[in-house]
mmCIF file of all heavy atoms, coordinates in Angstrom:
data_MODEL
# 
_entry.id   MODEL 
# 
loop_
_atom_site.group_PDB 
_atom_site.id 
_atom_site.type_symbol 
_atom_site.label_atom_id 
_atom_site.label_alt_id 
_atom_site.label_comp_id 
_atom_site.label_asym_id 
_atom_site.label_entity_id 
_atom_site.label_seq_id 
_atom_site.pdbx_PDB_ins_code 
_atom_site.Cartn_x 
_atom_site.Cartn_y 
_atom_site.Cartn_z 
_atom_site.occupancy 
_atom_site.B_iso_or_equiv 
_atom_site.pdbx_formal_charge 
_atom_site.auth_seq_id 
_atom_site.auth_comp_id 
_atom_site.auth_asym_id 
_atom_site.auth_atom_id 
_atom_site.pdbx_PDB_model_num 
ATOM 1   N N   . PRO A 1 1  ? -4.506  -7.781  -94.192  1.00 0.00 ? 1  PRO A N   1 
ATOM 2   C CA  . PRO A 1 1  ? -5.412  -8.973  -94.272  1.00 0.00 ? 1  PRO A CA  1 
ATOM 3   C C   . PRO A 1 1  ? -4.605  -10.274 -94.162  1.00 0.00 ? 1  PRO A C   1 
ATOM 4   O O   . PRO A 1 1  ? -3.451  -10.338 -94.451  1.00 0.00 ? 1  PRO A O   1 
ATOM 5   C CB  . PRO A 1 1  ? -6.131  -8.864  -95.595  1.00 0.00 ? 1  PRO A CB  1 
ATOM 6   C CG  . PRO A 1 1  ? -6.021  -7.425  -95.957  1.00 0.00 ? 1  PRO A CG  1 
ATOM 7   C CD  . PRO A 1 1  ? -4.657  -6.934  -95.439  1.00 0.00 ? 1  PRO A CD  1 
ATOM 8   N N   . SER A 1 2  ? -5.238  -11.322 -93.613  1.00 0.00 ? 2  SER A N   1 
ATOM 9   C CA  . SER A 1 2  ? -4.609  -12.581 -93.521  1.00 0.00 ? 2  SER A CA  1 
ATOM 10  C C   . SER A 1 2  ? -4.217  -13.154 -94.841  1.00 0.00 ? 2  SER A C   1 
ATOM 11  O O   . SER A 1 2  ? -5.063  -13.064 -95.819  1.00 0.00 ? 2  SER A O   1 
ATOM 12  C CB  . SER A 1 2  ? -5.586  -13.599 -92.766  1.00 0.00 ? 2  SER A CB  1 
ATOM 13  O OG  . SER A 1 2  ? -5.164  -14.879 -92.967  1.00 0.00 ? 2  SER A OG  1 
ATOM 14  N N   . PRO A 1 3  ? -2.982  -13.682 -94.969  1.00 0.00 ? 3  PRO A N   1 
ATOM 15  C CA  . PRO A 1 3  ? -2.576  -14.274 -96.335  1.00 0.00 ? 3  PRO A CA  1 
ATOM 16  C C   . PRO A 1 3  ? -3.536  -15.346 -96.769  1.00 0.00 ? 3  PRO A C   1 
ATOM 17  O O   . PRO A 1 3  ? -3.805  -15.548 -97.938  1.00 0.00 ? 3  PRO A O   1 
ATOM 18  C CB  . PRO A 1 3  ? -1.179  -14.840 -95.988  1.00 0.00 ? 3  PRO A CB  1 
ATOM 19  C CG  . PRO A 1 3  ? -0.662  -14.002 -94.856  1.00 0.00 ? 3  PRO A CG  1 
ATOM 20  C CD  . PRO A 1 3  ? -1.879  -13.685 -94.085  1.00 0.00 ? 3  PRO A CD  1 
ATOM 21  N N   . THR A 1 4  ? -4.095  -16.076 -95.803  1.00 0.00 ? 4  THR A N   1 
ATOM 22  C CA  . THR A 1 4  ? -4.978  -17.242 -96.144  1.00 0.00 ? 4  THR A CA  1 
ATOM 23  C C   . THR A 1 4  ? -6.227  -16.663 -96.832  1.00 0.00 ? 4  THR A C   1 
ATOM 24  O O   . THR A 1 4  ? -6.700  -17.266 -97.774  1.00 0.00 ? 4  THR A O   1 
ATOM 25  C CB  . THR A 1 4  ? -5.446  -18.037 -94.878  1.00 0.00 ? 4  THR A CB  1 
ATOM 26  O OG1 . THR A 1 4  ? -4.215  -18.454 -94.244  1.00 0.00 ? 4  THR A OG1 1 
ATOM 27  C CG2 . THR A 1 4  ? -6.181  -19.222 -95.288  1.00 0.00 ? 4  THR A CG2 1 
ATOM 28  N N   . SER A 1 5  ? -6.754  -15.572 -96.400  1.00 0.00 ? 5  SER A N   1 
ATOM 29  C CA  . SER A 1 5  ? -7.935  -14.945 -97.049  1.00 0.00 ? 5  SER A CA  1 
ATOM 30  C C   . SER A 1 5  ? -7.653  -14.515 -98.424  1.00 0.00 ? 5  SER A C   1 
ATOM 31  O O   . SER A 1 5  ? -8.600  -14.303 -99.176  1.00 0.00 ? 5  SER A O   1 
ATOM 32  C CB  . SER A 1 5  ? -8.393  -13.744 -96.180  1.00 0.00 ? 5  SER A CB  1 
ATOM 33  O OG  . SER A 1 5  ? -7.482  -12.666 -96.248  1.00 0.00 ? 5  SER A OG  1 
ATOM 34  N N   . GLN A 1 6  ? -6.369  -14.335 -98.806  1.00 0.00 ? 6  GLN A N   1 
ATOM 35  C CA  . GLN A 1 6  ? -6.059  -13.947 -100.137 1.00 0.00 ? 6  GLN A CA  1 
ATOM 36  C C   . GLN A 1 6  ? -5.620  -15.120 -100.975 1.00 0.00 ? 6  GLN A C   1 
ATOM 37  O O   . GLN A 1 6  ? -5.049  -14.944 -102.069 1.00 0.00 ? 6  GLN A O   1 
ATOM 38  C CB  . GLN A 1 6  ? -4.944  -12.923 -100.101 1.00 0.00 ? 6  GLN A CB  1 
ATOM 39  C CG  . GLN A 1 6  ? -5.307  -11.615 -99.387  1.00 0.00 ? 6  GLN A CG  1 
ATOM 40  C CD  . GLN A 1 6  ? -4.179  -10.626 -99.258  1.00 0.00 ? 6  GLN A CD  1 
ATOM 41  O OE1 . GLN A 1 6  ? -3.043  -10.986 -98.860  1.00 0.00 ? 6  GLN A OE1 1 
ATOM 42  N NE2 . GLN A 1 6  ? -4.464  -9.331  -99.474  1.00 0.00 ? 6  GLN A NE2 1 
ATOM 43  N N   . GLY A 1 7  ? -5.812  -16.368 -100.432 1.00 0.00 ? 7  GLY A N   1 
ATOM 44  C CA  . GLY A 1 7  ? -5.436  -17.526 -101.220 1.00 0.00 ? 7  GLY A CA  1 
ATOM 45  C C   . GLY A 1 7  ? -3.943  -17.957 -101.128 1.00 0.00 ? 7  GLY A C   1 
ATOM 46  O O   . GLY A 1 7  ? -3.555  -18.808 -101.867 1.00 0.00 ? 7  GLY A O   1 
ATOM 47  N N   . ILE A 1 8  ? -3.208  -17.339 -100.204 1.00 0.00 ? 8  ILE A N   1 
ATOM 48  C CA  . ILE A 1 8  ? -1.812  -17.674 -99.997  1.00 0.00 ? 8  ILE A CA  1 
ATOM 49  C C   . ILE A 1 8  ? -1.713  -18.838 -98.954  1.00 0.00 ? 8  ILE A C   1 
ATOM 50  O O   . ILE A 1 8  ? -2.112  -18.643 -97.830  1.00 0.00 ? 8  ILE A O   1 
ATOM 51  C CB  . ILE A 1 8  ? -0.983  -16.449 -99.603  1.00 0.00 ? 8  ILE A CB  1 
ATOM 52  C CG1 . ILE A 1 8  ? -1.116  -15.322 -100.657 1.00 0.00 ? 8  ILE A CG1 1 
ATOM 53  C CG2 . ILE A 1 8  ? 0.456   -16.802 -99.427  1.00 0.00 ? 8  ILE A CG2 1 
ATOM 54  C CD1 . ILE A 1 8  ? -0.487  -14.023 -100.256 1.00 0.00 ? 8  ILE A CD1 1 
ATOM 55  N N   . VAL A 1 9  ? -1.095  -19.911 -99.401  1.00 0.00 ? 9  VAL A N   1 
ATOM 56  C CA  . VAL A 1 9  ? -0.970  -21.115 -98.505  1.00 0.00 ? 9  VAL A CA  1 
ATOM 57  C C   . VAL A 1 9  ? 0.376   -21.169 -97.904  1.00 0.00 ? 9  VAL A C   1 
ATOM 58  O O   . VAL A 1 9  ? 1.353   -21.008 -98.559  1.00 0.00 ? 9  VAL A O   1 
ATOM 59  C CB  . VAL A 1 9  ? -1.261  -22.421 -99.235  1.00 0.00 ? 9  VAL A CB  1 
ATOM 60  C CG1 . VAL A 1 9  ? -1.175  -23.591 -98.387  1.00 0.00 ? 9  VAL A CG1 1 
ATOM 61  C CG2 . VAL A 1 9  ? -2.639  -22.359 -99.945  1.00 0.00 ? 9  VAL A CG2 1 
ATOM 62  N N   . ASP A 1 10 ? 0.425   -21.398 -96.677  1.00 0.00 ? 10 ASP A N   1 
ATOM 63  C CA  . ASP A 1 10 ? 1.769   -21.514 -95.948  1.00 0.00 ? 10 ASP A CA  1 
ATOM 64  C C   . ASP A 1 10 ? 2.497   -22.729 -96.479  1.00 0.00 ? 10 ASP A C   1 
ATOM 65  O O   . ASP A 1 10 ? 1.945   -23.929 -96.411  1.00 0.00 ? 10 ASP A O   1 
ATOM 66  C CB  . ASP A 1 10 ? 1.519   -21.734 -94.388  1.00 0.00 ? 10 ASP A CB  1 
ATOM 67  C CG  . ASP A 1 10 ? 2.803   -21.734 -93.594  1.00 0.00 ? 10 ASP A CG  1 
ATOM 68  O OD1 . ASP A 1 10 ? 3.914   -21.738 -94.244  1.00 0.00 ? 10 ASP A OD1 1 
ATOM 69  O OD2 . ASP A 1 10 ? 2.710   -21.724 -92.358  1.00 0.00 ? 10 ASP A OD2 1 
ATOM 70  N N   . PRO A 1 11 ? 3.703   -22.578 -97.032  1.00 0.00 ? 11 PRO A N   1 
ATOM 71  C CA  . PRO A 1 11 ? 4.385   -23.711 -97.603  1.00 0.00 ? 11 PRO A CA  1 
ATOM 72  C C   . PRO A 1 11 ? 4.809   -24.804 -96.536  1.00 0.00 ? 11 PRO A C   1 
ATOM 73  O O   . PRO A 1 11 ? 5.003   -25.931 -96.965  1.00 0.00 ? 11 PRO A O   1 
ATOM 74  C CB  . PRO A 1 11 ? 5.685   -23.074 -98.231  1.00 0.00 ? 11 PRO A CB  1 
ATOM 75  C CG  . PRO A 1 11 ? 5.862   -21.829 -97.463  1.00 0.00 ? 11 PRO A CG  1 
ATOM 76  C CD  . PRO A 1 11 ? 4.421   -21.338 -97.138  1.00 0.00 ? 11 PRO A CD  1 
ATOM 77  N N   . LYS A 1 12 ? 4.799   -24.457 -95.293  1.00 0.00 ? 12 LYS A N   1 
ATOM 78  C CA  . LYS A 1 12 ? 5.142   -25.423 -94.257  1.00 0.00 ? 12 LYS A CA  1 
ATOM 79  C C   . LYS A 1 12 ? 3.980   -26.256 -93.859  1.00 0.00 ? 12 LYS A C   1 
ATOM 80  O O   . LYS A 1 12 ? 4.128   -27.228 -93.132  1.00 0.00 ? 12 LYS A O   1 
ATOM 81  C CB  . LYS A 1 12 ? 5.763   -24.702 -93.049  1.00 0.00 ? 12 LYS A CB  1 
ATOM 82  C CG  . LYS A 1 12 ? 6.973   -23.922 -93.315  1.00 0.00 ? 12 LYS A CG  1 
ATOM 83  C CD  . LYS A 1 12 ? 7.464   -23.227 -92.019  1.00 0.00 ? 12 LYS A CD  1 
ATOM 84  C CE  . LYS A 1 12 ? 8.796   -22.488 -92.242  1.00 0.00 ? 12 LYS A CE  1 
ATOM 85  N NZ  . LYS A 1 12 ? 9.204   -21.776 -91.043  1.00 0.00 ? 12 LYS A NZ  1 
ATOM 86  N N   . SER A 1 13 ? 2.717   -25.864 -94.332  1.00 0.00 ? 13 SER A N   1 
ATOM 87  C CA  . SER A 1 13 ? 1.517   -26.607 -93.927  1.00 0.00 ? 13 SER A CA  1 
ATOM 88  C C   . SER A 1 13 ? 1.511   -28.043 -94.573  1.00 0.00 ? 13 SER A C   1 
ATOM 89  O O   . SER A 1 13 ? 2.023   -28.144 -95.713  1.00 0.00 ? 13 SER A O   1 
ATOM 90  C CB  . SER A 1 13 ? 0.272   -25.827 -94.276  1.00 0.00 ? 13 SER A CB  1 
ATOM 91  O OG  . SER A 1 13 ? 0.195   -25.623 -95.672  1.00 0.00 ? 13 SER A OG  1 
ATOM 92  N N   . ASP A 1 14 ? 0.781   -28.889 -93.935  1.00 0.00 ? 14 ASP A N   1 
ATOM 93  C CA  . ASP A 1 14 ? 0.725   -30.258 -94.491  1.00 0.00 ? 14 ASP A CA  1 
ATOM 94  C C   . ASP A 1 14 ? -0.313  -30.244 -95.710  1.00 0.00 ? 14 ASP A C   1 
ATOM 95  O O   . ASP A 1 14 ? -1.438  -29.890 -95.552  1.00 0.00 ? 14 ASP A O   1 
ATOM 96  C CB  . ASP A 1 14 ? 0.160   -31.138 -93.389  1.00 0.00 ? 14 ASP A CB  1 
ATOM 97  C CG  . ASP A 1 14 ? 0.108   -32.611 -93.793  1.00 0.00 ? 14 ASP A CG  1 
ATOM 98  O OD1 . ASP A 1 14 ? 0.229   -32.950 -94.945  1.00 0.00 ? 14 ASP A OD1 1 
ATOM 99  O OD2 . ASP A 1 14 ? 0.036   -33.461 -92.849  1.00 0.00 ? 14 ASP A OD2 1 
ATOM 100 N N   . PRO A 1 15 ? 0.187   -30.619 -96.830  1.00 0.00 ? 15 PRO A N   1 
ATOM 101 C CA  . PRO A 1 15 ? -0.748  -30.689 -98.055  1.00 0.00 ? 15 PRO A CA  1 
ATOM 102 C C   . PRO A 1 15 ? -1.992  -31.433 -97.872  1.00 0.00 ? 15 PRO A C   1 
ATOM 103 O O   . PRO A 1 15 ? -3.067  -31.163 -98.253  1.00 0.00 ? 15 PRO A O   1 
ATOM 104 C CB  . PRO A 1 15 ? 0.151   -31.224 -99.152  1.00 0.00 ? 15 PRO A CB  1 
ATOM 105 C CG  . PRO A 1 15 ? 1.575   -31.018 -98.699  1.00 0.00 ? 15 PRO A CG  1 
ATOM 106 C CD  . PRO A 1 15 ? 1.481   -31.121 -97.175  1.00 0.00 ? 15 PRO A CD  1 
ATOM 107 N N   . ALA A 1 16 ? -1.782  -32.569 -97.075  1.00 0.00 ? 16 ALA A N   1 
ATOM 108 C CA  . ALA A 1 16 ? -3.037  -33.457 -96.810  1.00 0.00 ? 16 ALA A CA  1 
ATOM 109 C C   . ALA A 1 16 ? -4.052  -32.664 -96.016  1.00 0.00 ? 16 ALA A C   1 
ATOM 110 O O   . ALA A 1 16 ? -5.229  -32.930 -96.285  1.00 0.00 ? 16 ALA A O   1 
ATOM 111 C CB  . ALA A 1 16 ? -2.523  -34.711 -96.148  1.00 0.00 ? 16 ALA A CB  1 
ATOM 112 N N   . ILE A 1 17 ? -3.550  -31.914 -95.035  1.00 0.00 ? 17 ILE A N   1 
ATOM 113 C CA  . ILE A 1 17 ? -4.517  -31.087 -94.236  1.00 0.00 ? 17 ILE A CA  1 
ATOM 114 C C   . ILE A 1 17 ? -5.141  -30.049 -95.092  1.00 0.00 ? 17 ILE A C   1 
ATOM 115 O O   . ILE A 1 17 ? -6.381  -29.730 -94.980  1.00 0.00 ? 17 ILE A O   1 
ATOM 116 C CB  . ILE A 1 17 ? -3.762  -30.544 -93.028  1.00 0.00 ? 17 ILE A CB  1 
ATOM 117 C CG1 . ILE A 1 17 ? -3.439  -31.690 -92.032  1.00 0.00 ? 17 ILE A CG1 1 
ATOM 118 C CG2 . ILE A 1 17 ? -4.655  -29.536 -92.260  1.00 0.00 ? 17 ILE A CG2 1 
ATOM 119 C CD1 . ILE A 1 17 ? -2.650  -31.203 -90.840  1.00 0.00 ? 17 ILE A CD1 1 
ATOM 120 N N   . ALA A 1 18 ? -4.337  -29.413 -95.917  1.00 0.00 ? 18 ALA A N   1 
ATOM 121 C CA  . ALA A 1 18 ? -4.862  -28.287 -96.766  1.00 0.00 ? 18 ALA A CA  1 
ATOM 122 C C   . ALA A 1 18 ? -5.952  -28.775 -97.677  1.00 0.00 ? 18 ALA A C   1 
ATOM 123 O O   . ALA A 1 18 ? -6.885  -27.976 -97.979  1.00 0.00 ? 18 ALA A O   1 
ATOM 124 C CB  . ALA A 1 18 ? -3.733  -27.666 -97.488  1.00 0.00 ? 18 ALA A CB  1 
ATOM 125 N N   . GLU A 1 19 ? -5.863  -30.000 -98.184  1.00 0.00 ? 19 GLU A N   1 
ATOM 126 C CA  . GLU A 1 19 ? -6.842  -30.525 -99.133  1.00 0.00 ? 19 GLU A CA  1 
ATOM 127 C C   . GLU A 1 19 ? -8.101  -31.091 -98.432  1.00 0.00 ? 19 GLU A C   1 
ATOM 128 O O   . GLU A 1 19 ? -9.087  -31.273 -99.074  1.00 0.00 ? 19 GLU A O   1 
ATOM 129 C CB  . GLU A 1 19 ? -6.160  -31.551 -100.050 1.00 0.00 ? 19 GLU A CB  1 
ATOM 130 C CG  . GLU A 1 19 ? -5.027  -31.007 -100.924 1.00 0.00 ? 19 GLU A CG  1 
ATOM 131 C CD  . GLU A 1 19 ? -4.425  -32.049 -101.766 1.00 0.00 ? 19 GLU A CD  1 
ATOM 132 O OE1 . GLU A 1 19 ? -4.801  -33.233 -101.665 1.00 0.00 ? 19 GLU A OE1 1 
ATOM 133 O OE2 . GLU A 1 19 ? -3.519  -31.781 -102.530 1.00 0.00 ? 19 GLU A OE2 1 
ATOM 134 N N   . ARG A 1 20 ? -7.961  -31.336 -97.135  1.00 0.00 ? 20 ARG A N   1 
ATOM 135 C CA  . ARG A 1 20 ? -9.084  -31.961 -96.453  1.00 0.00 ? 20 ARG A CA  1 
ATOM 136 C C   . ARG A 1 20 ? -10.048 -30.926 -95.982  1.00 0.00 ? 20 ARG A C   1 
ATOM 137 O O   . ARG A 1 20 ? -9.681  -29.907 -95.432  1.00 0.00 ? 20 ARG A O   1 
ATOM 138 C CB  . ARG A 1 20 ? -8.475  -32.706 -95.193  1.00 0.00 ? 20 ARG A CB  1 
ATOM 139 C CG  . ARG A 1 20 ? -9.620  -33.477 -94.527  1.00 0.00 ? 20 ARG A CG  1 
ATOM 140 C CD  . ARG A 1 20 ? -8.988  -34.461 -93.486  1.00 0.00 ? 20 ARG A CD  1 
ATOM 141 N NE  . ARG A 1 20 ? -8.376  -33.710 -92.376  1.00 0.00 ? 20 ARG A NE  1 
ATOM 142 C CZ  . ARG A 1 20 ? -7.129  -34.110 -91.923  1.00 0.00 ? 20 ARG A CZ  1 
ATOM 143 N NH1 . ARG A 1 20 ? -6.455  -35.047 -92.456  1.00 0.00 ? 20 ARG A NH1 1 
ATOM 144 N NH2 . ARG A 1 20 ? -6.617  -33.368 -90.843  1.00 0.00 ? 20 ARG A NH2 1 
ATOM 145 N N   . GLU A 1 21 ? -11.296 -31.177 -96.232  1.00 0.00 ? 21 GLU A N   1 
ATOM 146 C CA  . GLU A 1 21 ? -12.369 -30.231 -95.842  1.00 0.00 ? 21 GLU A CA  1 
ATOM 147 C C   . GLU A 1 21 ? -12.753 -30.489 -94.397  1.00 0.00 ? 21 GLU A C   1 
ATOM 148 O O   . GLU A 1 21 ? -12.968 -31.681 -93.981  1.00 0.00 ? 21 GLU A O   1 
ATOM 149 C CB  . GLU A 1 21 ? -13.598 -30.433 -96.666  1.00 0.00 ? 21 GLU A CB  1 
ATOM 150 C CG  . GLU A 1 21 ? -13.410 -29.969 -98.131  1.00 0.00 ? 21 GLU A CG  1 
ATOM 151 C CD  . GLU A 1 21 ? -14.717 -29.937 -98.949  1.00 0.00 ? 21 GLU A CD  1 
ATOM 152 O OE1 . GLU A 1 21 ? -15.669 -30.333 -98.336  1.00 0.00 ? 21 GLU A OE1 1 
ATOM 153 O OE2 . GLU A 1 21 ? -14.712 -29.550 -100.120 1.00 0.00 ? 21 GLU A OE2 1 
ATOM 154 N N   . SER A 1 22 ? -12.732 -29.423 -93.559  1.00 0.00 ? 22 SER A N   1 
ATOM 155 C CA  . SER A 1 22 ? -13.152 -29.576 -92.142  1.00 0.00 ? 22 SER A CA  1 
ATOM 156 C C   . SER A 1 22 ? -14.242 -28.577 -91.868  1.00 0.00 ? 22 SER A C   1 
ATOM 157 O O   . SER A 1 22 ? -14.209 -27.415 -92.307  1.00 0.00 ? 22 SER A O   1 
ATOM 158 C CB  . SER A 1 22 ? -11.913 -29.278 -91.258  1.00 0.00 ? 22 SER A CB  1 
ATOM 159 O OG  . SER A 1 22 ? -10.863 -30.220 -91.408  1.00 0.00 ? 22 SER A OG  1 
ATOM 160 N N   . THR A 1 23 ? -15.219 -29.057 -91.153  1.00 0.00 ? 23 THR A N   1 
ATOM 161 C CA  . THR A 1 23 ? -16.343 -28.184 -90.806  1.00 0.00 ? 23 THR A CA  1 
ATOM 162 C C   . THR A 1 23 ? -16.327 -27.946 -89.355  1.00 0.00 ? 23 THR A C   1 
ATOM 163 O O   . THR A 1 23 ? -16.106 -28.855 -88.556  1.00 0.00 ? 23 THR A O   1 
ATOM 164 C CB  . THR A 1 23 ? -17.656 -28.806 -91.323  1.00 0.00 ? 23 THR A CB  1 
ATOM 165 O OG1 . THR A 1 23 ? -17.814 -30.126 -90.797  1.00 0.00 ? 23 THR A OG1 1 
ATOM 166 C CG2 . THR A 1 23 ? -17.791 -28.836 -92.820  1.00 0.00 ? 23 THR A CG2 1 
ATOM 167 N N   . VAL A 1 24 ? -16.578 -26.765 -88.931  1.00 0.00 ? 24 VAL A N   1 
ATOM 168 C CA  . VAL A 1 24 ? -16.624 -26.394 -87.516  1.00 0.00 ? 24 VAL A CA  1 
ATOM 169 C C   . VAL A 1 24 ? -17.944 -25.737 -87.204  1.00 0.00 ? 24 VAL A C   1 
ATOM 170 O O   . VAL A 1 24 ? -18.379 -24.861 -87.938  1.00 0.00 ? 24 VAL A O   1 
ATOM 171 C CB  . VAL A 1 24 ? -15.485 -25.423 -87.204  1.00 0.00 ? 24 VAL A CB  1 
ATOM 172 C CG1 . VAL A 1 24 ? -15.509 -25.045 -85.670  1.00 0.00 ? 24 VAL A CG1 1 
ATOM 173 C CG2 . VAL A 1 24 ? -14.124 -26.081 -87.531  1.00 0.00 ? 24 VAL A CG2 1 
ATOM 174 N N   . CYS A 1 25 ? -18.525 -26.165 -86.045  1.00 0.00 ? 25 CYS A N   1 
ATOM 175 C CA  . CYS A 1 25 ? -19.788 -25.616 -85.602  1.00 0.00 ? 25 CYS A CA  1 
ATOM 176 C C   . CYS A 1 25 ? -19.617 -25.076 -84.229  1.00 0.00 ? 25 CYS A C   1 
ATOM 177 O O   . CYS A 1 25 ? -19.140 -25.747 -83.383  1.00 0.00 ? 25 CYS A O   1 
ATOM 178 C CB  . CYS A 1 25 ? -20.917 -26.617 -85.605  1.00 0.00 ? 25 CYS A CB  1 
ATOM 179 S SG  . CYS A 1 25 ? -22.587 -25.936 -85.473  1.00 0.00 ? 25 CYS A SG  1 
ATOM 180 N N   . ILE A 1 26 ? -20.004 -23.895 -84.008  1.00 0.00 ? 26 ILE A N   1 
ATOM 181 C CA  . ILE A 1 26 ? -19.810 -23.144 -82.770  1.00 0.00 ? 26 ILE A CA  1 
ATOM 182 C C   . ILE A 1 26 ? -21.057 -22.620 -82.176  1.00 0.00 ? 26 ILE A C   1 
ATOM 183 O O   . ILE A 1 26 ? -21.894 -22.114 -82.924  1.00 0.00 ? 26 ILE A O   1 
ATOM 184 C CB  . ILE A 1 26 ? -18.772 -22.008 -82.958  1.00 0.00 ? 26 ILE A CB  1 
ATOM 185 C CG1 . ILE A 1 26 ? -17.542 -22.457 -83.600  1.00 0.00 ? 26 ILE A CG1 1 
ATOM 186 C CG2 . ILE A 1 26 ? -18.559 -21.246 -81.608  1.00 0.00 ? 26 ILE A CG2 1 
ATOM 187 C CD1 . ILE A 1 26 ? -16.582 -21.318 -83.989  1.00 0.00 ? 26 ILE A CD1 1 
ATOM 188 N N   . ALA A 1 27 ? -21.318 -22.886 -80.891  1.00 0.00 ? 27 ALA A N   1 
ATOM 189 C CA  . ALA A 1 27 ? -22.523 -22.383 -80.262  1.00 0.00 ? 27 ALA A CA  1 
ATOM 190 C C   . ALA A 1 27 ? -22.126 -21.829 -78.883  1.00 0.00 ? 27 ALA A C   1 
ATOM 191 O O   . ALA A 1 27 ? -21.137 -22.313 -78.240  1.00 0.00 ? 27 ALA A O   1 
ATOM 192 C CB  . ALA A 1 27 ? -23.564 -23.526 -80.067  1.00 0.00 ? 27 ALA A CB  1 
# 
């Protein structure tokens, strides 16, 4: 399974991006 799905955050990721909520809509 993806580490992200288990709550594991990539230490190289931008903390500001990780805390920001983003919504995606697909059609």
